[in-house]
Each structure stands twice: as C-alpha cells, then as structure tokens.
Protein backbone atom coordinates (compact mmCIF):
# COMPACT_ATOMS: atom_id res chain seq x y z
CA MET A 1 39.95 -20.78 -57.37
CA GLU A 2 41.41 -17.86 -55.35
CA SER A 3 38.34 -15.69 -56.10
CA ARG A 4 36.08 -18.49 -54.93
CA SER A 5 38.08 -18.95 -51.73
CA CYS A 6 38.00 -15.18 -51.04
CA GLY A 7 34.26 -15.15 -51.58
CA GLY A 8 33.87 -18.12 -49.25
CA ARG A 9 35.97 -16.43 -46.57
CA GLN A 10 33.92 -13.22 -46.85
CA LEU A 11 30.71 -15.20 -46.64
CA TYR A 12 32.04 -17.07 -43.62
CA GLN A 13 33.16 -13.85 -41.92
CA SER A 14 29.79 -12.15 -42.51
CA ALA A 15 27.93 -15.19 -41.20
CA THR A 16 30.21 -15.28 -38.15
CA THR A 17 29.64 -11.55 -37.51
CA GLU A 18 25.87 -11.95 -37.76
CA ALA A 19 26.00 -14.95 -35.43
CA LEU A 20 28.07 -13.01 -32.90
CA SER A 21 25.73 -9.99 -33.06
CA GLY A 22 22.75 -12.30 -32.67
CA SER A 23 24.36 -13.99 -29.68
CA ARG A 24 25.06 -10.58 -28.11
CA ILE A 25 21.44 -9.53 -28.58
CA LEU A 26 20.27 -12.83 -27.14
CA ALA A 27 22.65 -12.40 -24.20
CA LYS A 28 21.27 -8.90 -23.54
CA VAL A 29 17.71 -10.21 -23.68
CA LEU A 30 18.59 -13.04 -21.28
CA ASP A 31 20.36 -10.60 -18.97
CA SER A 32 17.34 -8.27 -18.93
CA GLU A 33 15.03 -11.21 -18.25
CA SER A 34 17.36 -12.35 -15.50
CA GLU A 35 17.30 -8.90 -13.92
CA LYS A 36 13.50 -8.86 -14.08
CA MET A 37 13.37 -12.26 -12.40
CA LYS A 38 15.72 -11.05 -9.66
CA LEU A 39 13.58 -7.96 -9.07
CA ARG A 40 10.41 -10.05 -8.95
CA SER A 41 12.07 -12.47 -6.53
CA LEU A 42 13.23 -9.59 -4.33
CA ALA A 43 9.75 -8.00 -4.33
CA SER A 44 8.18 -11.36 -3.54
CA ARG A 45 10.53 -11.96 -0.59
CA PHE A 46 9.89 -8.45 0.69
CA GLN A 47 6.11 -8.90 0.52
CA ARG A 48 6.32 -12.21 2.36
CA ARG A 49 8.53 -10.65 5.04
CA LEU A 50 6.25 -7.63 5.38
CA LEU A 51 3.21 -9.83 6.04
CA ASN A 52 5.01 -12.46 8.13
CA SER A 53 3.52 -12.04 11.61
CA HIS A 54 6.12 -14.40 13.11
CA LYS A 55 9.02 -11.99 12.50
CA TYR A 56 8.81 -10.16 15.82
CA GLU A 57 12.22 -8.53 15.41
CA ASP A 58 10.75 -6.31 12.69
CA TYR A 59 8.76 -4.44 15.34
CA ILE A 60 12.02 -3.57 17.12
CA PHE A 61 13.52 -2.44 13.81
CA VAL A 62 10.71 0.00 12.95
CA PHE A 63 10.61 1.21 16.57
CA ILE A 64 14.31 2.07 16.33
CA ILE A 65 13.67 3.96 13.08
CA GLY A 66 11.01 6.01 14.87
CA LEU A 67 13.30 6.62 17.85
CA LEU A 68 16.62 7.37 16.15
CA HIS A 69 15.74 10.77 14.71
CA ILE A 70 14.43 11.91 18.12
CA VAL A 71 17.70 10.89 19.80
CA PHE A 72 19.82 12.48 17.07
CA SER A 73 17.86 15.74 17.28
CA ILE A 74 18.73 15.97 20.99
CA VAL A 75 22.38 15.05 20.39
CA LEU A 76 22.73 17.56 17.53
CA GLY A 77 21.07 20.32 19.55
CA ILE A 78 18.15 20.90 17.20
CA TRP A 79 15.43 19.57 19.49
CA GLU A 80 14.78 23.01 20.99
CA HIS A 81 13.98 26.20 19.09
CA THR A 82 17.03 28.12 17.86
CA GLU A 83 17.35 31.85 17.23
CA ILE A 84 20.15 33.14 15.01
CA GLU A 85 20.36 36.87 14.22
CA ASN A 86 16.71 37.42 15.13
CA TYR A 87 15.75 34.52 12.88
CA LYS A 88 13.90 31.81 14.83
CA TYR A 89 14.28 28.23 13.67
CA THR A 90 11.55 25.82 14.76
CA GLY A 91 12.96 22.97 16.85
CA TYR A 92 12.33 19.33 16.11
CA LYS A 93 10.07 19.00 19.15
CA ASP A 94 7.38 20.83 17.16
CA ALA A 95 7.49 18.18 14.40
CA LYS A 96 4.76 16.16 16.10
CA ASN A 97 3.91 14.25 12.93
CA PHE A 98 7.50 12.91 12.83
CA ILE A 99 7.77 12.26 16.57
CA ALA A 100 4.61 10.13 16.39
CA HIS A 101 6.49 7.63 14.19
CA ILE A 102 7.75 5.91 17.33
CA ILE A 103 4.18 4.67 17.92
CA ILE A 104 2.71 4.68 14.42
CA LEU A 105 5.37 2.49 12.79
CA PRO A 106 5.08 -0.57 15.10
CA ALA A 107 1.29 -0.16 15.28
CA GLY A 108 1.00 0.11 11.50
CA LEU A 109 3.14 -2.96 10.91
CA PHE A 110 1.11 -4.96 13.43
CA LEU A 111 -2.17 -3.83 11.84
CA ILE A 112 -1.33 -4.84 8.27
CA ARG A 113 0.02 -8.22 9.44
CA TRP A 114 -3.08 -8.88 11.51
CA MET A 115 -5.30 -7.90 8.58
CA SER A 116 -3.35 -10.16 6.20
CA ASP A 117 -3.92 -13.14 8.52
CA LEU A 118 -7.60 -12.40 9.08
CA LEU A 119 -8.46 -11.61 5.45
CA PHE A 120 -6.11 -13.97 3.58
CA GLY A 121 -4.63 -16.40 6.11
CA VAL A 122 -1.13 -15.58 4.87
CA ASN A 123 0.61 -17.17 7.86
CA ILE A 124 -1.81 -20.07 8.26
CA ASP A 125 -0.54 -23.44 7.06
CA ASN A 126 -2.30 -24.94 4.04
CA ASN A 127 -2.83 -28.18 5.96
CA SER A 128 -4.47 -26.48 8.93
CA GLN A 129 -7.78 -28.14 9.85
CA ASN A 130 -9.36 -25.07 11.46
CA ARG A 131 -8.43 -22.52 8.84
CA ASP A 132 -12.10 -21.57 8.39
CA LYS A 133 -12.17 -20.34 12.00
CA LYS A 134 -9.13 -18.12 11.43
CA VAL A 135 -10.18 -16.82 8.00
CA PRO A 136 -13.91 -15.98 8.08
CA LEU A 137 -14.24 -15.96 4.29
CA LEU A 138 -13.32 -19.65 4.12
CA SER A 139 -16.20 -20.59 6.45
CA LEU A 140 -18.61 -19.98 3.55
CA PHE A 141 -17.17 -22.95 1.62
CA ASP A 142 -17.18 -26.71 2.04
CA LYS A 143 -14.10 -28.33 3.56
CA ASP A 144 -13.17 -29.75 0.15
CA ALA A 145 -13.13 -26.31 -1.46
CA GLN A 146 -11.31 -24.45 1.31
CA PRO A 147 -7.71 -25.46 0.36
CA LYS A 148 -8.05 -24.10 -3.18
CA ILE A 149 -9.78 -20.89 -2.08
CA HIS A 150 -7.18 -20.37 0.64
CA ASP A 151 -4.33 -20.89 -1.81
CA ASN A 152 -5.85 -18.42 -4.28
CA LEU A 153 -6.28 -15.81 -1.55
CA LYS A 154 -2.65 -16.12 -0.47
CA LYS A 155 -1.38 -15.92 -4.04
CA SER A 156 -3.45 -12.80 -4.71
CA ILE A 157 -1.91 -10.83 -1.83
CA LEU A 158 1.65 -12.21 -2.14
CA ASN A 159 1.86 -11.04 -5.74
CA PRO A 160 5.30 -9.37 -6.14
CA ILE A 161 3.82 -6.54 -8.17
CA ILE A 162 1.96 -5.21 -5.10
CA PRO A 163 5.02 -3.89 -3.18
CA SER A 164 6.33 -2.41 -6.43
CA ILE A 165 3.11 -0.46 -6.94
CA VAL A 166 3.10 0.68 -3.30
CA PHE A 167 6.73 1.81 -3.57
CA VAL A 168 6.05 3.84 -6.73
CA LEU A 169 2.98 5.51 -5.19
CA ASP A 170 4.93 6.33 -2.04
CA LEU A 171 7.79 7.76 -4.09
CA ILE A 172 5.43 9.89 -6.18
CA PHE A 173 3.84 11.27 -3.02
CA HIS A 174 7.22 12.34 -1.61
CA LEU A 175 8.33 13.83 -4.92
CA PHE A 176 5.34 16.17 -4.84
CA ASP A 177 5.45 16.75 -1.09
CA ARG A 178 7.67 19.20 0.82
CA PHE A 179 10.46 16.61 0.73
CA ARG A 180 11.19 17.51 -2.90
CA GLU A 181 11.59 21.21 -2.03
CA ILE A 182 13.86 20.43 0.90
CA MET A 183 16.06 18.20 -1.26
CA TRP A 184 16.15 20.97 -3.88
CA GLN A 185 17.58 23.30 -1.22
CA TYR A 186 20.39 20.85 -0.58
CA PHE A 187 21.07 20.52 -4.31
CA GLN A 188 21.31 24.29 -4.64
CA ARG A 189 23.77 24.48 -1.77
CA PHE A 190 25.95 21.66 -3.13
CA THR A 191 26.05 23.34 -6.57
CA GLY A 192 27.08 26.73 -5.14
CA GLN A 193 23.69 28.41 -5.41
CA THR A 194 21.97 30.34 -2.64
CA PRO A 195 19.01 28.29 -1.42
CA ILE A 196 15.75 30.05 -0.65
CA LYS A 197 14.41 29.03 2.75
CA ILE A 198 10.85 27.85 2.16
CA GLU A 199 10.37 27.07 5.85
CA VAL A 200 12.33 27.90 8.94
CA ASN A 201 12.83 24.60 10.73
CA TRP A 202 15.27 21.81 11.57
CA ALA A 203 15.69 20.76 7.92
CA ASN A 204 17.62 23.85 6.78
CA LEU A 205 19.75 24.93 9.75
CA TYR A 206 22.85 24.47 7.57
CA VAL A 207 21.90 27.65 5.69
CA ASP A 208 23.15 29.77 8.61
CA ASN A 209 25.94 27.33 9.47
CA LYS A 210 24.16 26.22 12.61
CA ILE A 211 24.96 22.63 11.65
CA ASP A 212 27.12 20.87 9.08
CA ILE A 213 25.26 20.36 5.80
CA ILE A 214 26.15 16.64 5.57
CA THR A 215 24.94 16.06 9.13
CA ASN A 216 21.77 18.04 8.45
CA LEU A 217 21.14 16.04 5.26
CA PHE A 218 21.65 12.73 7.07
CA PHE A 219 19.23 13.74 9.83
CA THR A 220 16.60 14.93 7.32
CA LEU A 221 16.78 11.67 5.36
CA LEU A 222 16.54 9.71 8.62
CA ALA A 223 13.43 11.64 9.68
CA TYR A 224 11.74 11.24 6.30
CA SER A 225 12.55 7.52 6.16
CA GLY A 226 10.01 7.06 8.96
CA GLN A 227 7.42 9.04 7.02
CA PHE A 228 8.14 6.95 3.93
CA LEU A 229 7.43 3.77 5.92
CA VAL A 230 4.25 5.24 7.43
CA PHE A 231 2.81 5.91 3.99
CA PHE A 232 4.07 2.56 2.73
CA PHE A 233 2.16 0.78 5.50
CA GLY A 234 -0.91 2.94 4.88
CA ILE A 235 -1.03 2.26 1.14
CA SER A 236 -0.36 -1.44 1.77
CA GLY A 237 -3.33 -1.55 4.15
CA ILE A 238 -5.63 0.00 1.55
CA ILE A 239 -4.45 -2.52 -1.05
CA LEU A 240 -5.06 -5.38 1.42
CA LEU A 241 -8.68 -4.29 1.80
CA LEU A 242 -9.05 -3.67 -1.94
CA GLN A 243 -7.68 -7.10 -2.89
CA HIS A 244 -9.88 -8.86 -0.35
CA ASN A 245 -13.07 -7.07 -1.40
CA ILE A 246 -12.41 -7.61 -5.11
CA SER A 247 -11.70 -11.31 -4.47
CA TYR A 248 -14.91 -11.51 -2.45
CA LEU A 249 -17.00 -10.04 -5.28
CA ASN A 250 -15.30 -12.28 -7.87
CA ILE A 251 -16.23 -15.50 -6.09
CA ILE A 252 -19.91 -14.64 -5.74
CA TYR A 253 -21.75 -17.22 -7.85
CA GLN A 254 -23.50 -15.78 -10.92
CA ARG A 255 -25.48 -17.86 -13.37
CA SER A 256 -24.26 -15.94 -16.39
CA LYS A 257 -20.69 -17.06 -15.75
CA ASP A 258 -19.29 -20.35 -16.96
CA ASN A 259 -18.81 -21.61 -13.43
CA LYS A 260 -21.98 -23.62 -12.81
CA ASN A 261 -19.95 -26.83 -12.67
CA ASN A 262 -17.60 -25.33 -10.06
CA ILE A 263 -20.21 -23.90 -7.75
CA ILE A 264 -18.36 -25.46 -4.83
CA HIS A 265 -15.67 -22.81 -5.33
CA ASN A 266 -18.15 -19.92 -5.28
CA ILE A 267 -20.24 -18.19 -2.65
CA VAL A 268 -23.95 -18.94 -3.08
CA LEU A 269 -25.99 -16.05 -1.69
CA ASP A 270 -29.03 -16.83 0.41
CA PHE A 271 -31.62 -14.14 -0.31
CA GLU A 272 -34.02 -15.76 2.16
CA ASP A 273 -31.62 -15.50 5.08
CA PRO A 274 -33.70 -14.56 8.17
CA ASN A 275 -30.73 -12.52 9.43
CA ARG A 276 -30.79 -10.49 6.20
CA CYS A 277 -27.09 -11.14 5.71
CA PHE A 278 -27.35 -13.13 2.44
CA GLY A 279 -26.03 -16.11 4.40
CA MET A 280 -22.76 -14.36 5.20
CA LYS A 281 -23.11 -13.66 8.89
CA ASN A 282 -19.68 -15.18 9.45
CA LEU A 283 -18.16 -12.23 7.60
CA HIS A 284 -19.38 -9.70 10.17
CA LEU A 285 -15.93 -9.65 11.77
CA VAL A 286 -14.26 -8.86 8.43
CA PHE A 287 -16.63 -6.08 7.44
CA ASN A 288 -16.68 -4.58 10.94
CA LEU A 289 -12.88 -4.64 10.95
CA GLN A 290 -12.84 -2.55 7.81
CA LEU A 291 -15.20 -0.01 9.36
CA VAL A 292 -13.08 0.18 12.52
CA VAL A 293 -9.90 0.69 10.47
CA LEU A 294 -11.63 3.40 8.46
CA PHE A 295 -12.80 5.11 11.65
CA ILE A 296 -9.35 4.99 13.29
CA THR A 297 -7.56 6.30 10.21
CA GLY A 298 -10.18 9.05 9.95
CA LEU A 299 -9.41 10.09 13.52
CA PHE A 300 -5.70 10.05 12.67
CA VAL A 301 -6.24 12.33 9.67
CA LEU A 302 -8.39 14.67 11.76
CA CYS A 303 -5.85 14.85 14.58
CA SER A 304 -3.00 15.47 12.14
CA ARG A 305 -4.94 18.39 10.67
CA LEU A 306 -5.65 19.88 14.11
CA VAL A 307 -2.03 19.51 15.20
CA LEU A 308 -0.56 21.05 12.05
CA THR A 309 -3.16 23.81 11.69
CA GLU A 310 -3.02 27.08 13.56
CA GLN A 311 -5.46 27.22 16.46
CA LYS A 312 -6.92 30.51 15.34
CA LEU A 313 -7.98 28.87 12.05
CA VAL A 314 -9.67 26.05 13.95
CA PHE A 315 -11.63 28.44 16.15
CA SER A 316 -12.51 30.62 13.14
CA THR A 317 -13.92 27.57 11.38
CA LEU A 318 -15.89 26.35 14.40
CA TYR A 319 -17.42 29.70 15.31
CA LEU A 320 -17.36 31.75 12.13
CA GLY A 321 -17.18 29.19 9.34
CA ASN A 322 -15.30 31.58 7.07
CA VAL A 323 -12.04 29.63 6.56
CA LYS A 324 -11.35 28.13 3.16
CA TRP A 325 -10.48 24.47 2.76
CA HIS A 326 -6.89 25.15 1.66
CA ASP A 327 -6.22 26.68 5.09
CA PHE A 328 -6.37 23.14 6.45
CA PHE A 329 -4.73 21.51 3.41
CA PRO A 330 -2.14 24.04 2.21
CA GLU A 331 0.22 21.46 0.70
CA PHE A 332 0.05 18.52 -1.66
CA GLY A 333 1.01 16.01 1.03
CA GLN A 334 -1.86 17.04 3.28
CA ILE A 335 -4.31 16.84 0.37
CA ALA A 336 -2.95 13.38 -0.50
CA ILE A 337 -3.66 12.19 3.05
CA ALA A 338 -7.30 13.23 2.78
CA LEU A 339 -7.61 11.65 -0.69
CA SER A 340 -6.10 8.42 0.66
CA TRP A 341 -8.77 8.28 3.34
CA LEU A 342 -11.49 8.86 0.74
CA SER A 343 -9.97 6.04 -1.33
CA ALA A 344 -10.10 3.77 1.71
CA PHE A 345 -13.74 4.74 2.20
CA CYS A 346 -14.57 3.67 -1.37
CA VAL A 347 -12.68 0.40 -0.89
CA VAL A 348 -14.60 -0.41 2.31
CA LEU A 349 -17.82 0.34 0.44
CA LEU A 350 -17.09 -2.27 -2.27
CA PRO A 351 -18.75 -5.28 -0.56
CA ALA A 352 -22.07 -3.42 -0.69
CA PHE A 353 -21.94 -3.76 -4.48
CA VAL A 354 -22.94 -7.40 -4.09
CA LYS A 355 -26.52 -6.09 -4.21
CA PHE A 356 -25.91 -4.49 -7.60
CA LEU A 357 -24.09 -7.32 -9.38
CA PRO A 358 -27.22 -8.31 -11.40
CA PHE A 359 -27.32 -4.83 -12.94
CA PHE A 360 -23.77 -4.93 -14.31
CA SER A 361 -24.82 -7.26 -17.15
CA ARG A 362 -28.59 -6.90 -17.37
CA LYS A 363 -29.19 -8.93 -20.56
CA LYS A 364 -27.19 -11.89 -19.36
CA ARG A 365 -28.96 -11.82 -16.02
CA LEU A 366 -32.41 -11.71 -17.60
CA ARG A 367 -31.59 -14.73 -19.75
CA SER A 368 -30.15 -16.60 -16.81
CA TRP A 369 -33.00 -16.19 -14.33
CA ARG A 370 -34.84 -19.13 -15.86
CA ARG A 371 -31.87 -21.46 -15.70
CA PRO A 372 -32.15 -24.09 -12.95
CA LEU A 373 -29.67 -24.07 -10.12
CA PRO A 374 -26.91 -26.69 -10.23
CA SER A 375 -27.84 -29.76 -8.26
CA SER A 376 -24.95 -29.18 -5.85
CA SER A 377 -26.29 -25.84 -4.68
CA VAL A 378 -27.90 -25.52 -1.32
CA ARG A 379 -31.67 -25.68 -1.15
CA ARG A 380 -33.52 -22.38 -0.68
CA LYS A 381 -30.48 -20.42 -1.78
CA SER A 382 -30.67 -18.01 -4.68
CA THR A 383 -27.90 -16.87 -6.99
CA LEU A 384 -27.28 -13.85 -9.13
C-alpha cells in the first residue's frame, strides 16, 4: 500500500510540475502577446495623432524643437566660430541644414497632414455628405459605394505598422550617417579612449575642454532630434503617396478578377473619354499635387547640396565638368537623400501604370476581352 501511495504522490507531483511549467509558458506567451498589443496600440495612436490636422499645438511643439538648439547654441557660446590653439572649430551658425529645421519641421508636418486629408480623408467624418468634394478619389464612385471606399482608404493609412516601418528606416539612416561616428566619439571618451576628431565643429568641442561633455552630448542629441523628425516626415510623405497610388491601382476594375459583382466598388475606366483622362479628370488635383511635392522636394535636395558643397566644386562642375559625383555626395546621408528623392519619383510615376495593367497577366486578359460587361457598368465605358 505504501509503495502505491508513494507512486501516486510522485505521479501527482510530476503532473503538478508539468502543469506549473505549462502555465508559466502560457503566461509568457500571453505577456508577449500583451506587449505586442500595447506596441500596436501605441503605434496606432501615434499615427492618428501624426495625421490629425486638428491638433494645432503640434505645430508649436515641432517649432520649439527647431528653435531650441539655436537658442542653446547661443547660450553655450558655440554659435560663433571658436579657435583653440590654432585649431578652428566651426560654429553652429554654419550648420544651415540644422538651422532650417525651424521652418522645415512645421511645414513638413502641415504638408503630410494636408496630403492625408486630400488623399485619404483621414480627418473627414464617415457621415459627411460632401466627402467626394474633399477626397477627389471618392468622386469616381457612386454615393452608395463611397462610405466603404472611404473607410478602406482610412484603414490603409492608419495601419499601425506604417509608423514602425518609418521609425526603423529613419533609425537605419542615422546609424549609417555621421551621427553614428559622432556618438562613437562620445563612447570613446566615456570609456577612457582618445577620440579621433572626424570633423571640427560644434559636436566635439568637449575634446579640447571647450565645453562639458555632458552638455555637449545633450546639445548634439537635441540638434539631431530635429533631423530625425525631418526624415521621419519625409519618409511618411513618401509612404502616403505610395499607399494612395497602390490603392488607386488596386481598385481599377479588371475583368479577370473575381469582382464583376462588386463593380460599384471599383473604378471603371472610360477609354473613350474626350478629355483623354480615362474618365478621371477629377483626380487632376491629386496627381498634380504629387508632381508639385516632387518638384519642391527636388529643389530642397538641390539647395541642400549647394549649401553643403564647396563653391569651388560648384563652379568647377558648371564650367569645367570635371568633378566626380562623390564630391557632391561624400557621405552616406547625402546619398540617402538623393535616393529618397528617386524613390519618390518612382512612387509618383505609379499611376501611369494604369495603362499597362492589361500586360501584367496577358493570358487572363485575352480570355476576358470577350466577356460582357456587368449590367451595372456605365455605358460606353471600357474595362481592363
């Protein structure tokens, strides 16, 4: 009897141990899922706040971020050039790309919010009766279809994964930019090593004890926080255009798709449009906006290159043409700016692919040309 009771106790103890270990594993899984839900909720709230055009106090906040480092540079005495033992440190007043944050940050925030309202109607109420006048894309649909299309557009741009992707891209850019080398200097100094000055400027005055290292680090992080936001707004703007243009191409009606019964929720192209706009003249504002944004950002990239490039290189290029491209783009960050503009150019070009949709699946298109149009389609309109 005792042996049986001992065996029963051992069996009970082992079962209890397994149950406890299983409950711990389950608790860890639930905790990890809970953390993921919290992160998704935080990203979703941030995206909604970023695109909320009614939060006017945010413009004051980003303006202060662009102004603070200018004020601190004057207070700390690093606004002007400094010479220590015949070693000239460039003052902060020459950091024109950072000083411009005071204008670029509020303007960038306003631009992405305005684009989000025009392209997606993020801040337009779902019950609004004139939503098609505020969101040009909705004007191509019947009144009955507009609520669903509008809701889908808003969900596509308020996806919490978007700010996460933008944050990671922004972080990668700064890890490969000069910021990483500057932070490495601080790490060397904190660990007792002798940092090598890669550039003589306001970011490393602590090397010659011109300024306290903690104060210098705080000021550098403050200055680069503005740059981080500038690139965050820029990448967010590109993603806004990309999401809109992809959504636009996805809702073009194609006979090969299984959507002939839901043609009301698709754009039916009019190949006999006398305006030669495929029946989408109402989208002129949207497409022209993209071209204007591309033009303005191109001017910004050009001006930033001219400001940060030595004048003798500019004149050598204009009159002699013997300067290599890396003279204008000597660092990764400057190359990334040019590549970002080229990416924006490709994104703006996407709507033109509506003309090539039939060639993406040639066999399906050839079989579908003979299919009749759904009865709900508009007369004299053709589809892909």
